[in-house]
Amino acid sequence: IRKDNVFVMQNGVDVNLFRPMNRLQCRKSLNLPIKAKIIAYAGSIQRLQGVNLLVDAFNDLKKEIKGLKLAIAGRFYGNEAKHINLNHEGIIYLKSLTQDKVAKLINAADVAVVPNPENSFTKYCFPYKVVEYMACNKPIVATDVGDVGIFLRGFKNSLCKENDKKDPGGYTGFVVIQESHISVHTFPRRGFVSIDVYSCTDFDYKAAA
């Protein structure tokens, strides 16, 4: 492998398109709330890039910040719409936007995010959105994953740990009958319940169901 005269060039950005613009005008152009605090994400909508984690984090954050909005632009990858629900109060789904409108979305926001979890894709990619956010002079919050972490290392308060959201937990109940038991484990925040039935003797499970 040649070692001399080798140069690494980071992704560039069209600064004629992605540049600081008037926030109010950009919000009006995209029909976004004028006075709300807005978080923006523009890119592929898939779990591989942490959009599900972004939605979960937003649902927690909006309880602390009144009127908070999350504006998302992009396409669902494959069948990811089955796994990522954007139908939450406060989420504004703008679908796929042209590049000029993406620039307006970034400028309309108070902060832009890159929620990448660590995986075999994000460890070795450098999202164009990072330099697009920076060209618009927009505050960024990004996970410390791959080159994004290296690129933003010098910017205070821009980086956070990937997928450090605490498990919301739930409730568990038991009914014990001699050596047998029935247990119910609920996870309200996840919309999930698990039921275990254990018996020390044979029984008709169809009748129990």
N, C-alpha and C. Protein backbone atom coordinates (compact mmCIF):
# COMPACT_ATOMS: atom_id res chain seq x y z
N ILE A 1 0.84 -1.19 0.00
CA ILE A 1 0.00 0.00 0.00
C ILE A 1 0.88 1.24 0.00
N ARG A 2 0.60 2.16 -0.89
CA ARG A 2 1.40 3.38 -0.98
C ARG A 2 1.17 4.26 0.24
N LYS A 3 2.24 4.76 0.82
CA LYS A 3 2.15 5.58 2.02
C LYS A 3 2.41 7.06 1.75
N ASP A 4 3.08 7.36 0.67
CA ASP A 4 3.39 8.75 0.36
C ASP A 4 2.33 9.33 -0.58
N ASN A 5 2.13 10.64 -0.44
CA ASN A 5 1.21 11.37 -1.32
C ASN A 5 -0.21 10.80 -1.29
N VAL A 6 -0.63 10.38 -0.10
CA VAL A 6 -2.00 9.88 0.10
C VAL A 6 -2.74 10.89 0.98
N PHE A 7 -3.86 11.35 0.51
CA PHE A 7 -4.63 12.34 1.25
C PHE A 7 -6.05 11.84 1.46
N VAL A 8 -6.59 12.08 2.66
CA VAL A 8 -7.97 11.70 2.98
C VAL A 8 -8.82 12.96 2.97
N MET A 9 -9.86 12.96 2.15
CA MET A 9 -10.75 14.11 2.05
C MET A 9 -12.11 13.76 2.66
N GLN A 10 -12.53 14.54 3.64
CA GLN A 10 -13.83 14.34 4.25
C GLN A 10 -14.93 14.75 3.28
N ASN A 11 -16.15 14.29 3.58
CA ASN A 11 -17.30 14.68 2.76
C ASN A 11 -17.44 16.20 2.74
N GLY A 12 -17.81 16.72 1.60
CA GLY A 12 -18.00 18.15 1.47
C GLY A 12 -19.48 18.52 1.50
N VAL A 13 -19.76 19.79 1.33
CA VAL A 13 -21.13 20.28 1.36
C VAL A 13 -21.25 21.47 0.42
N ASP A 14 -22.39 21.59 -0.22
CA ASP A 14 -22.67 22.71 -1.11
C ASP A 14 -23.06 23.92 -0.25
N VAL A 15 -22.12 24.82 -0.03
CA VAL A 15 -22.38 25.95 0.86
C VAL A 15 -23.25 27.02 0.21
N ASN A 16 -23.49 26.89 -1.08
CA ASN A 16 -24.45 27.79 -1.71
C ASN A 16 -25.89 27.39 -1.38
N LEU A 17 -26.06 26.10 -1.05
CA LEU A 17 -27.37 25.58 -0.70
C LEU A 17 -27.54 25.50 0.81
N PHE A 18 -26.56 24.91 1.47
CA PHE A 18 -26.61 24.77 2.93
C PHE A 18 -25.84 25.93 3.56
N ARG A 19 -26.60 26.89 4.04
CA ARG A 19 -26.03 28.11 4.60
C ARG A 19 -27.02 28.65 5.63
N PRO A 20 -26.59 29.52 6.52
CA PRO A 20 -27.53 30.11 7.50
C PRO A 20 -28.63 30.91 6.80
N MET A 21 -29.86 30.66 7.22
CA MET A 21 -31.02 31.38 6.68
C MET A 21 -31.92 31.82 7.81
N ASN A 22 -32.84 32.70 7.51
CA ASN A 22 -33.74 33.23 8.52
C ASN A 22 -34.66 32.12 9.04
N ARG A 23 -34.62 31.90 10.35
CA ARG A 23 -35.38 30.81 10.95
C ARG A 23 -36.89 30.98 10.75
N LEU A 24 -37.39 32.18 10.98
CA LEU A 24 -38.82 32.43 10.87
C LEU A 24 -39.32 32.17 9.45
N GLN A 25 -38.58 32.65 8.48
CA GLN A 25 -38.99 32.45 7.08
C GLN A 25 -38.97 30.97 6.71
N CYS A 26 -37.97 30.24 7.21
CA CYS A 26 -37.87 28.81 6.92
C CYS A 26 -39.04 28.04 7.56
N ARG A 27 -39.42 28.44 8.76
CA ARG A 27 -40.56 27.78 9.41
C ARG A 27 -41.85 28.04 8.65
N LYS A 28 -42.03 29.26 8.22
CA LYS A 28 -43.23 29.59 7.45
C LYS A 28 -43.25 28.81 6.13
N SER A 29 -42.11 28.68 5.50
CA SER A 29 -42.02 27.99 4.22
C SER A 29 -42.42 26.51 4.34
N LEU A 30 -42.09 25.90 5.49
CA LEU A 30 -42.38 24.47 5.70
C LEU A 30 -43.62 24.24 6.56
N ASN A 31 -44.34 25.33 6.87
CA ASN A 31 -45.54 25.24 7.72
C ASN A 31 -45.24 24.63 9.09
N LEU A 32 -44.11 25.01 9.65
CA LEU A 32 -43.73 24.54 10.98
C LEU A 32 -44.16 25.55 12.03
N PRO A 33 -44.38 25.10 13.27
CA PRO A 33 -44.80 26.03 14.34
C PRO A 33 -43.80 27.16 14.51
N ILE A 34 -44.30 28.36 14.62
CA ILE A 34 -43.43 29.53 14.67
C ILE A 34 -42.68 29.65 15.99
N LYS A 35 -43.37 29.39 17.09
CA LYS A 35 -42.78 29.66 18.40
C LYS A 35 -42.25 28.41 19.12
N ALA A 36 -42.46 27.25 18.57
CA ALA A 36 -42.06 26.01 19.25
C ALA A 36 -40.55 25.81 19.22
N LYS A 37 -40.06 25.03 20.19
CA LYS A 37 -38.69 24.53 20.13
C LYS A 37 -38.71 23.30 19.23
N ILE A 38 -37.84 23.30 18.22
CA ILE A 38 -37.88 22.23 17.21
C ILE A 38 -36.54 21.50 17.13
N ILE A 39 -36.62 20.18 17.22
CA ILE A 39 -35.48 19.30 16.96
C ILE A 39 -35.63 18.78 15.54
N ALA A 40 -34.56 18.77 14.76
CA ALA A 40 -34.66 18.33 13.36
C ALA A 40 -33.77 17.12 13.10
N TYR A 41 -34.31 16.21 12.31
CA TYR A 41 -33.54 15.08 11.80
C TYR A 41 -33.87 14.94 10.32
N ALA A 42 -32.85 14.86 9.48
CA ALA A 42 -33.04 14.65 8.05
C ALA A 42 -32.16 13.48 7.62
N GLY A 43 -32.78 12.46 7.07
CA GLY A 43 -32.01 11.31 6.64
C GLY A 43 -32.87 10.07 6.53
N SER A 44 -32.23 8.94 6.31
CA SER A 44 -32.92 7.67 6.19
C SER A 44 -33.58 7.32 7.52
N ILE A 45 -34.82 6.83 7.44
CA ILE A 45 -35.57 6.49 8.65
C ILE A 45 -35.48 4.98 8.85
N GLN A 46 -34.62 4.57 9.76
CA GLN A 46 -34.41 3.16 10.02
C GLN A 46 -33.75 2.97 11.38
N ARG A 47 -33.93 1.78 11.94
CA ARG A 47 -33.34 1.47 13.25
C ARG A 47 -31.82 1.46 13.17
N LEU A 48 -31.29 1.08 12.02
CA LEU A 48 -29.84 1.04 11.84
C LEU A 48 -29.21 2.38 12.15
N GLN A 49 -29.96 3.47 11.92
CA GLN A 49 -29.45 4.81 12.16
C GLN A 49 -30.10 5.47 13.40
N GLY A 50 -30.74 4.65 14.21
CA GLY A 50 -31.17 5.11 15.52
C GLY A 50 -32.42 5.97 15.57
N VAL A 51 -33.23 5.98 14.52
CA VAL A 51 -34.41 6.84 14.54
C VAL A 51 -35.41 6.36 15.60
N ASN A 52 -35.48 5.07 15.84
CA ASN A 52 -36.35 4.56 16.90
C ASN A 52 -35.91 5.08 18.26
N LEU A 53 -34.61 5.17 18.48
CA LEU A 53 -34.10 5.69 19.75
C LEU A 53 -34.37 7.19 19.87
N LEU A 54 -34.29 7.88 18.73
CA LEU A 54 -34.59 9.31 18.71
C LEU A 54 -36.05 9.55 19.11
N VAL A 55 -36.96 8.75 18.58
CA VAL A 55 -38.38 8.89 18.91
C VAL A 55 -38.61 8.64 20.40
N ASP A 56 -37.98 7.59 20.94
CA ASP A 56 -38.12 7.29 22.37
C ASP A 56 -37.60 8.43 23.23
N ALA A 57 -36.43 8.96 22.86
CA ALA A 57 -35.84 10.06 23.62
C ALA A 57 -36.71 11.30 23.55
N PHE A 58 -37.27 11.58 22.37
CA PHE A 58 -38.15 12.74 22.22
C PHE A 58 -39.39 12.61 23.10
N ASN A 59 -39.98 11.43 23.15
CA ASN A 59 -41.18 11.22 23.96
C ASN A 59 -40.90 11.47 25.45
N ASP A 60 -39.68 11.23 25.87
CA ASP A 60 -39.30 11.55 27.25
C ASP A 60 -39.05 13.05 27.42
N LEU A 61 -38.35 13.62 26.45
CA LEU A 61 -37.94 15.02 26.55
C LEU A 61 -39.12 15.98 26.49
N LYS A 62 -40.14 15.64 25.73
CA LYS A 62 -41.28 16.56 25.58
C LYS A 62 -42.07 16.70 26.88
N LYS A 63 -41.86 15.77 27.82
CA LYS A 63 -42.51 15.89 29.12
C LYS A 63 -41.86 17.00 29.95
N GLU A 64 -40.61 17.30 29.63
CA GLU A 64 -39.87 18.33 30.37
C GLU A 64 -39.92 19.68 29.68
N ILE A 65 -40.07 19.68 28.35
CA ILE A 65 -40.06 20.94 27.58
C ILE A 65 -41.41 21.12 26.91
N LYS A 66 -42.19 22.03 27.40
CA LYS A 66 -43.54 22.26 26.89
C LYS A 66 -43.51 22.72 25.43
N GLY A 67 -44.33 22.10 24.61
CA GLY A 67 -44.45 22.50 23.21
C GLY A 67 -43.32 22.04 22.32
N LEU A 68 -42.46 21.15 22.80
CA LEU A 68 -41.34 20.66 22.01
C LEU A 68 -41.84 19.88 20.79
N LYS A 69 -41.15 20.05 19.65
CA LYS A 69 -41.51 19.35 18.42
C LYS A 69 -40.29 18.63 17.86
N LEU A 70 -40.54 17.52 17.20
CA LEU A 70 -39.50 16.79 16.48
C LEU A 70 -39.90 16.73 15.02
N ALA A 71 -39.14 17.40 14.16
CA ALA A 71 -39.42 17.41 12.72
C ALA A 71 -38.48 16.42 12.03
N ILE A 72 -39.07 15.46 11.34
CA ILE A 72 -38.30 14.41 10.68
C ILE A 72 -38.57 14.44 9.18
N ALA A 73 -37.50 14.41 8.40
CA ALA A 73 -37.63 14.36 6.94
C ALA A 73 -36.81 13.20 6.41
N GLY A 74 -37.39 12.44 5.50
CA GLY A 74 -36.67 11.32 4.91
C GLY A 74 -37.61 10.20 4.53
N ARG A 75 -37.04 9.15 3.96
CA ARG A 75 -37.80 7.98 3.56
C ARG A 75 -37.57 6.83 4.53
N PHE A 76 -38.62 6.04 4.76
CA PHE A 76 -38.45 4.79 5.50
C PHE A 76 -37.67 3.82 4.63
N TYR A 77 -36.67 3.19 5.23
CA TYR A 77 -35.89 2.20 4.51
C TYR A 77 -36.59 0.85 4.59
N GLY A 78 -36.81 0.21 3.43
CA GLY A 78 -37.43 -1.11 3.41
C GLY A 78 -38.76 -1.13 4.13
N ASN A 79 -38.92 -2.06 5.08
CA ASN A 79 -40.16 -2.18 5.83
C ASN A 79 -40.05 -1.58 7.23
N GLU A 80 -39.15 -0.59 7.39
CA GLU A 80 -38.91 -0.01 8.70
C GLU A 80 -40.12 0.72 9.27
N ALA A 81 -41.09 1.07 8.42
CA ALA A 81 -42.31 1.72 8.93
C ALA A 81 -43.06 0.80 9.89
N LYS A 82 -42.83 -0.51 9.79
CA LYS A 82 -43.47 -1.45 10.70
C LYS A 82 -42.85 -1.40 12.09
N HIS A 83 -41.64 -0.87 12.17
CA HIS A 83 -40.90 -0.90 13.43
C HIS A 83 -40.72 0.47 14.06
N ILE A 84 -40.91 1.52 13.29
CA ILE A 84 -40.71 2.89 13.80
C ILE A 84 -42.01 3.66 13.64
N ASN A 85 -42.61 4.03 14.76
CA ASN A 85 -43.89 4.73 14.76
C ASN A 85 -43.66 6.23 14.93
N LEU A 86 -44.01 6.99 13.91
CA LEU A 86 -43.88 8.45 13.99
C LEU A 86 -45.19 9.13 14.35
N ASN A 87 -46.20 8.32 14.64
CA ASN A 87 -47.51 8.86 14.97
C ASN A 87 -47.61 9.16 16.47
N HIS A 88 -46.79 10.11 16.91
CA HIS A 88 -46.79 10.55 18.31
C HIS A 88 -47.06 12.05 18.35
N GLU A 89 -47.68 12.49 19.41
CA GLU A 89 -47.90 13.91 19.59
C GLU A 89 -46.57 14.65 19.60
N GLY A 90 -46.49 15.69 18.81
CA GLY A 90 -45.27 16.51 18.77
C GLY A 90 -44.33 16.16 17.64
N ILE A 91 -44.54 15.00 16.99
CA ILE A 91 -43.68 14.62 15.87
C ILE A 91 -44.30 15.11 14.56
N ILE A 92 -43.51 15.82 13.79
CA ILE A 92 -43.95 16.34 12.49
C ILE A 92 -43.17 15.59 11.41
N TYR A 93 -43.86 14.74 10.66
CA TYR A 93 -43.20 13.97 9.61
C TYR A 93 -43.40 14.68 8.27
N LEU A 94 -42.31 15.16 7.72
CA LEU A 94 -42.33 15.93 6.47
C LEU A 94 -42.10 15.08 5.23
N LYS A 95 -41.95 13.79 5.43
CA LYS A 95 -41.67 12.85 4.34
C LYS A 95 -40.35 13.24 3.65
N SER A 96 -40.20 12.85 2.39
CA SER A 96 -38.95 13.13 1.68
C SER A 96 -38.97 14.55 1.12
N LEU A 97 -37.90 15.30 1.39
CA LEU A 97 -37.81 16.69 0.94
C LEU A 97 -36.71 16.85 -0.11
N THR A 98 -36.86 17.83 -0.96
CA THR A 98 -35.78 18.19 -1.87
C THR A 98 -34.65 18.82 -1.06
N GLN A 99 -33.48 18.87 -1.63
CA GLN A 99 -32.32 19.38 -0.90
C GLN A 99 -32.50 20.82 -0.42
N ASP A 100 -33.13 21.65 -1.22
CA ASP A 100 -33.32 23.03 -0.79
C ASP A 100 -34.25 23.11 0.42
N LYS A 101 -35.22 22.21 0.48
CA LYS A 101 -36.13 22.19 1.63
C LYS A 101 -35.47 21.56 2.85
N VAL A 102 -34.55 20.63 2.63
CA VAL A 102 -33.78 20.08 3.75
C VAL A 102 -32.98 21.19 4.41
N ALA A 103 -32.39 22.04 3.59
CA ALA A 103 -31.63 23.18 4.13
C ALA A 103 -32.54 24.10 4.93
N LYS A 104 -33.76 24.29 4.47
CA LYS A 104 -34.71 25.12 5.22
C LYS A 104 -35.11 24.45 6.53
N LEU A 105 -35.29 23.13 6.52
CA LEU A 105 -35.62 22.42 7.74
C LEU A 105 -34.53 22.59 8.79
N ILE A 106 -33.29 22.44 8.37
CA ILE A 106 -32.17 22.60 9.30
C ILE A 106 -32.18 24.00 9.89
N ASN A 107 -32.38 24.99 9.06
CA ASN A 107 -32.38 26.37 9.53
C ASN A 107 -33.62 26.71 10.37
N ALA A 108 -34.69 25.96 10.16
CA ALA A 108 -35.91 26.19 10.94
C ALA A 108 -35.79 25.65 12.36
N ALA A 109 -34.85 24.73 12.58
CA ALA A 109 -34.74 24.04 13.86
C ALA A 109 -33.91 24.82 14.88
N ASP A 110 -34.09 24.44 16.14
CA ASP A 110 -33.25 24.97 17.21
C ASP A 110 -32.00 24.11 17.38
N VAL A 111 -32.13 22.83 17.08
CA VAL A 111 -31.00 21.91 17.17
C VAL A 111 -31.24 20.78 16.19
N ALA A 112 -30.15 20.25 15.60
CA ALA A 112 -30.22 19.13 14.68
C ALA A 112 -29.51 17.92 15.29
N VAL A 113 -29.99 16.71 14.96
CA VAL A 113 -29.47 15.53 15.64
C VAL A 113 -28.98 14.46 14.68
N VAL A 114 -28.02 13.68 15.18
CA VAL A 114 -27.52 12.47 14.50
C VAL A 114 -27.56 11.37 15.55
N PRO A 115 -28.60 10.51 15.55
CA PRO A 115 -28.80 9.55 16.64
C PRO A 115 -28.20 8.17 16.41
N ASN A 116 -27.14 8.06 15.61
CA ASN A 116 -26.61 6.75 15.23
C ASN A 116 -26.27 5.87 16.43
N PRO A 117 -26.78 4.62 16.47
CA PRO A 117 -26.26 3.64 17.41
C PRO A 117 -24.99 3.03 16.82
N GLU A 118 -24.24 2.33 17.61
CA GLU A 118 -23.01 1.73 17.07
C GLU A 118 -23.33 0.38 16.44
N ASN A 119 -23.00 0.25 15.17
CA ASN A 119 -23.16 -1.02 14.46
C ASN A 119 -22.16 -1.05 13.32
N SER A 120 -22.18 -2.13 12.54
CA SER A 120 -21.17 -2.30 11.50
C SER A 120 -21.28 -1.25 10.40
N PHE A 121 -22.43 -0.61 10.28
CA PHE A 121 -22.60 0.45 9.28
C PHE A 121 -22.14 1.80 9.83
N THR A 122 -22.66 2.20 10.99
CA THR A 122 -22.39 3.54 11.51
C THR A 122 -20.94 3.71 11.98
N LYS A 123 -20.27 2.62 12.34
CA LYS A 123 -18.87 2.73 12.78
C LYS A 123 -17.96 3.23 11.66
N TYR A 124 -18.36 2.98 10.41
CA TYR A 124 -17.47 3.29 9.29
C TYR A 124 -18.07 4.29 8.31
N CYS A 125 -19.18 4.93 8.69
CA CYS A 125 -19.78 5.91 7.78
C CYS A 125 -19.60 7.31 8.35
N PHE A 126 -19.71 8.29 7.47
CA PHE A 126 -19.70 9.68 7.90
C PHE A 126 -20.90 10.36 7.24
N PRO A 127 -21.97 10.61 8.01
CA PRO A 127 -23.20 11.15 7.42
C PRO A 127 -22.99 12.56 6.85
N TYR A 128 -23.48 12.76 5.63
CA TYR A 128 -23.44 14.10 5.03
C TYR A 128 -24.17 15.11 5.91
N LYS A 129 -25.19 14.63 6.64
CA LYS A 129 -25.99 15.57 7.42
C LYS A 129 -25.16 16.34 8.44
N VAL A 130 -24.05 15.78 8.91
CA VAL A 130 -23.23 16.47 9.91
C VAL A 130 -22.68 17.78 9.33
N VAL A 131 -22.08 17.69 8.15
CA VAL A 131 -21.50 18.90 7.56
C VAL A 131 -22.59 19.84 7.04
N GLU A 132 -23.74 19.28 6.68
CA GLU A 132 -24.86 20.13 6.27
C GLU A 132 -25.38 20.93 7.48
N TYR A 133 -25.49 20.26 8.62
CA TYR A 133 -25.89 20.97 9.84
C TYR A 133 -24.89 22.08 10.17
N MET A 134 -23.60 21.74 10.07
CA MET A 134 -22.56 22.71 10.41
C MET A 134 -22.55 23.89 9.44
N ALA A 135 -22.78 23.61 8.15
CA ALA A 135 -22.79 24.70 7.16
C ALA A 135 -23.92 25.68 7.43
N CYS A 136 -25.00 25.18 8.06
CA CYS A 136 -26.13 26.05 8.42
C CYS A 136 -25.93 26.70 9.79
N ASN A 137 -24.78 26.44 10.39
CA ASN A 137 -24.44 27.02 11.69
C ASN A 137 -25.47 26.64 12.76
N LYS A 138 -25.85 25.37 12.73
CA LYS A 138 -26.88 24.89 13.63
C LYS A 138 -26.28 24.05 14.76
N PRO A 139 -26.70 24.25 16.00
CA PRO A 139 -26.24 23.39 17.10
C PRO A 139 -26.55 21.93 16.80
N ILE A 140 -25.62 21.05 17.16
CA ILE A 140 -25.75 19.63 16.83
C ILE A 140 -25.65 18.81 18.12
N VAL A 141 -26.50 17.79 18.21
CA VAL A 141 -26.34 16.74 19.22
C VAL A 141 -26.21 15.43 18.46
N ALA A 142 -25.10 14.73 18.68
CA ALA A 142 -24.83 13.49 17.94
C ALA A 142 -24.26 12.44 18.88
N THR A 143 -24.48 11.20 18.54
CA THR A 143 -23.88 10.12 19.32
C THR A 143 -22.41 9.98 18.95
N ASP A 144 -21.63 9.58 19.94
CA ASP A 144 -20.19 9.45 19.77
C ASP A 144 -19.86 8.12 19.10
N VAL A 145 -20.13 8.06 17.81
CA VAL A 145 -19.96 6.82 17.05
C VAL A 145 -19.17 7.11 15.77
N GLY A 146 -18.15 6.32 15.51
CA GLY A 146 -17.39 6.42 14.27
C GLY A 146 -16.75 7.79 14.07
N ASP A 147 -16.66 8.21 12.82
CA ASP A 147 -16.02 9.48 12.48
C ASP A 147 -16.79 10.69 13.00
N VAL A 148 -18.09 10.51 13.24
CA VAL A 148 -18.87 11.63 13.77
C VAL A 148 -18.31 12.05 15.12
N GLY A 149 -17.99 11.07 15.95
CA GLY A 149 -17.41 11.36 17.26
C GLY A 149 -16.07 12.06 17.15
N ILE A 150 -15.26 11.62 16.19
CA ILE A 150 -13.95 12.24 15.99
C ILE A 150 -14.11 13.67 15.48
N PHE A 151 -15.03 13.86 14.56
CA PHE A 151 -15.24 15.16 13.92
C PHE A 151 -15.74 16.21 14.91
N LEU A 152 -16.59 15.79 15.85
CA LEU A 152 -17.22 16.74 16.77
C LEU A 152 -16.56 16.77 18.15
N ARG A 153 -15.46 16.08 18.29
CA ARG A 153 -14.82 15.96 19.60
C ARG A 153 -14.50 17.31 20.23
N GLY A 154 -14.17 18.30 19.43
CA GLY A 154 -13.78 19.59 19.97
C GLY A 154 -14.93 20.52 20.27
N PHE A 155 -16.16 20.07 20.03
CA PHE A 155 -17.32 20.94 20.25
C PHE A 155 -18.04 20.54 21.52
N LYS A 156 -18.00 21.42 22.51
CA LYS A 156 -18.56 21.15 23.82
C LYS A 156 -20.06 20.87 23.72
N ASN A 157 -20.48 19.85 24.44
CA ASN A 157 -21.90 19.48 24.57
C ASN A 157 -22.55 18.98 23.28
N SER A 158 -21.75 18.65 22.27
CA SER A 158 -22.33 18.14 21.03
C SER A 158 -22.47 16.62 21.03
N LEU A 159 -21.64 15.93 21.81
CA LEU A 159 -21.62 14.48 21.77
C LEU A 159 -22.29 13.85 22.98
N CYS A 160 -22.98 12.74 22.74
CA CYS A 160 -23.56 11.95 23.83
C CYS A 160 -23.26 10.48 23.58
N LYS A 161 -23.39 9.68 24.60
CA LYS A 161 -23.16 8.24 24.45
C LYS A 161 -24.30 7.64 23.63
N GLU A 162 -23.95 6.66 22.82
CA GLU A 162 -24.98 6.04 21.99
C GLU A 162 -25.82 5.06 22.82
N ASN A 163 -27.13 5.11 22.59
CA ASN A 163 -28.07 4.17 23.18
C ASN A 163 -27.89 4.01 24.69
N ASP A 164 -27.78 5.13 25.42
CA ASP A 164 -27.61 5.05 26.87
C ASP A 164 -28.93 5.30 27.60
N LYS A 165 -30.03 5.20 26.87
CA LYS A 165 -31.34 5.40 27.48
C LYS A 165 -31.63 4.27 28.45
N LYS A 166 -32.00 4.61 29.66
CA LYS A 166 -32.28 3.61 30.67
C LYS A 166 -33.55 2.84 30.34
N ASP A 167 -33.54 1.55 30.68
CA ASP A 167 -34.74 0.74 30.49
C ASP A 167 -35.86 1.30 31.35
N PRO A 168 -37.03 1.59 30.75
CA PRO A 168 -38.11 2.20 31.51
C PRO A 168 -38.72 1.28 32.54
N GLY A 169 -38.43 -0.03 32.45
CA GLY A 169 -38.93 -0.96 33.45
C GLY A 169 -40.43 -1.14 33.38
N GLY A 170 -40.98 -1.78 34.42
CA GLY A 170 -42.41 -2.06 34.46
C GLY A 170 -42.80 -2.64 35.79
N TYR A 171 -43.85 -3.46 35.77
CA TYR A 171 -44.39 -4.03 37.00
C TYR A 171 -44.55 -5.54 36.84
N THR A 172 -44.35 -6.25 37.94
CA THR A 172 -44.47 -7.70 37.94
C THR A 172 -45.37 -8.15 39.08
N GLY A 173 -46.25 -9.11 38.79
CA GLY A 173 -47.12 -9.67 39.82
C GLY A 173 -47.07 -11.19 39.79
N PHE A 174 -47.14 -11.82 40.96
CA PHE A 174 -47.08 -13.28 41.07
C PHE A 174 -48.30 -13.80 41.83
N VAL A 175 -48.79 -14.96 41.40
CA VAL A 175 -49.73 -15.75 42.19
C VAL A 175 -49.10 -17.13 42.37
N VAL A 176 -48.82 -17.50 43.62
CA VAL A 176 -48.14 -18.76 43.92
C VAL A 176 -49.12 -19.73 44.54
N ILE A 177 -49.21 -20.94 43.97
CA ILE A 177 -50.08 -22.00 44.49
C ILE A 177 -49.22 -23.23 44.69
N GLN A 178 -48.89 -23.51 45.93
CA GLN A 178 -47.96 -24.60 46.25
C GLN A 178 -46.69 -24.43 45.43
N GLU A 179 -46.34 -25.44 44.60
CA GLU A 179 -45.12 -25.29 43.79
C GLU A 179 -45.38 -24.65 42.44
N SER A 180 -46.62 -24.27 42.17
CA SER A 180 -46.96 -23.69 40.88
C SER A 180 -47.09 -22.16 41.00
N HIS A 181 -47.01 -21.48 39.89
CA HIS A 181 -47.19 -20.03 39.94
C HIS A 181 -47.62 -19.46 38.58
N ILE A 182 -48.24 -18.30 38.64
CA ILE A 182 -48.55 -17.50 37.46
C ILE A 182 -47.92 -16.13 37.68
N SER A 183 -47.19 -15.65 36.69
CA SER A 183 -46.57 -14.33 36.81
C SER A 183 -46.92 -13.47 35.60
N VAL A 184 -47.08 -12.19 35.86
CA VAL A 184 -47.37 -11.22 34.81
C VAL A 184 -46.32 -10.12 34.88
N HIS A 185 -45.64 -9.87 33.77
CA HIS A 185 -44.61 -8.82 33.69
C HIS A 185 -45.09 -7.78 32.69
N THR A 186 -45.29 -6.55 33.15
CA THR A 186 -45.79 -5.51 32.25
C THR A 186 -44.73 -4.44 32.02
N PHE A 187 -44.71 -3.91 30.81
CA PHE A 187 -43.81 -2.83 30.42
C PHE A 187 -44.64 -1.75 29.75
N PRO A 188 -45.30 -0.88 30.53
CA PRO A 188 -46.24 0.09 29.97
C PRO A 188 -45.65 1.00 28.91
N ARG A 189 -44.40 1.45 29.12
CA ARG A 189 -43.80 2.37 28.17
C ARG A 189 -43.54 1.71 26.82
N ARG A 190 -43.37 0.39 26.86
CA ARG A 190 -43.11 -0.33 25.61
C ARG A 190 -44.39 -0.92 25.01
N GLY A 191 -45.51 -0.88 25.76
CA GLY A 191 -46.73 -1.49 25.28
C GLY A 191 -46.61 -2.99 25.18
N PHE A 192 -45.95 -3.60 26.19
CA PHE A 192 -45.62 -5.02 26.12
C PHE A 192 -45.96 -5.70 27.44
N VAL A 193 -46.47 -6.94 27.37
CA VAL A 193 -46.75 -7.72 28.57
C VAL A 193 -46.32 -9.17 28.33
N SER A 194 -45.78 -9.79 29.37
CA SER A 194 -45.37 -11.18 29.29
C SER A 194 -46.04 -11.95 30.44
N ILE A 195 -46.63 -13.10 30.12
CA ILE A 195 -47.33 -13.91 31.12
C ILE A 195 -46.70 -15.30 31.16
N ASP A 196 -46.31 -15.74 32.35
CA ASP A 196 -45.74 -17.08 32.54
C ASP A 196 -46.68 -17.91 33.40
N VAL A 197 -46.92 -19.14 32.97
CA VAL A 197 -47.72 -20.08 33.76
C VAL A 197 -46.88 -21.33 33.98
N TYR A 198 -46.61 -21.64 35.26
CA TYR A 198 -45.79 -22.80 35.58
C TYR A 198 -46.57 -23.71 36.51
N SER A 199 -46.64 -24.97 36.18
CA SER A 199 -47.37 -25.92 37.01
C SER A 199 -46.50 -27.12 37.33
N CYS A 200 -46.61 -27.62 38.56
CA CYS A 200 -45.84 -28.79 38.96
C CYS A 200 -46.57 -30.07 38.59
N THR A 201 -47.82 -29.96 38.10
CA THR A 201 -48.58 -31.14 37.65
C THR A 201 -49.12 -30.86 36.26
N ASP A 202 -49.55 -31.91 35.59
CA ASP A 202 -50.12 -31.78 34.26
C ASP A 202 -51.43 -31.01 34.32
N PHE A 203 -51.73 -30.21 33.30
CA PHE A 203 -52.99 -29.51 33.24
C PHE A 203 -53.32 -29.23 31.78
N ASP A 204 -54.58 -28.92 31.54
CA ASP A 204 -55.07 -28.64 30.18
C ASP A 204 -54.77 -27.19 29.84
N TYR A 205 -53.69 -26.94 29.14
CA TYR A 205 -53.28 -25.56 28.84
C TYR A 205 -54.27 -24.88 27.91
N LYS A 206 -54.98 -25.66 27.07
CA LYS A 206 -55.97 -25.05 26.19
C LYS A 206 -57.14 -24.51 26.98
N ALA A 207 -57.54 -25.25 28.01
CA ALA A 207 -58.64 -24.77 28.86
C ALA A 207 -58.22 -23.54 29.64
N ALA A 208 -56.93 -23.50 30.05
CA ALA A 208 -56.42 -22.35 30.80
C ALA A 208 -56.37 -21.12 29.92
N ALA A 209 -56.06 -21.31 28.64
CA ALA A 209 -55.99 -20.18 27.72
C ALA A 209 -57.36 -19.62 27.44
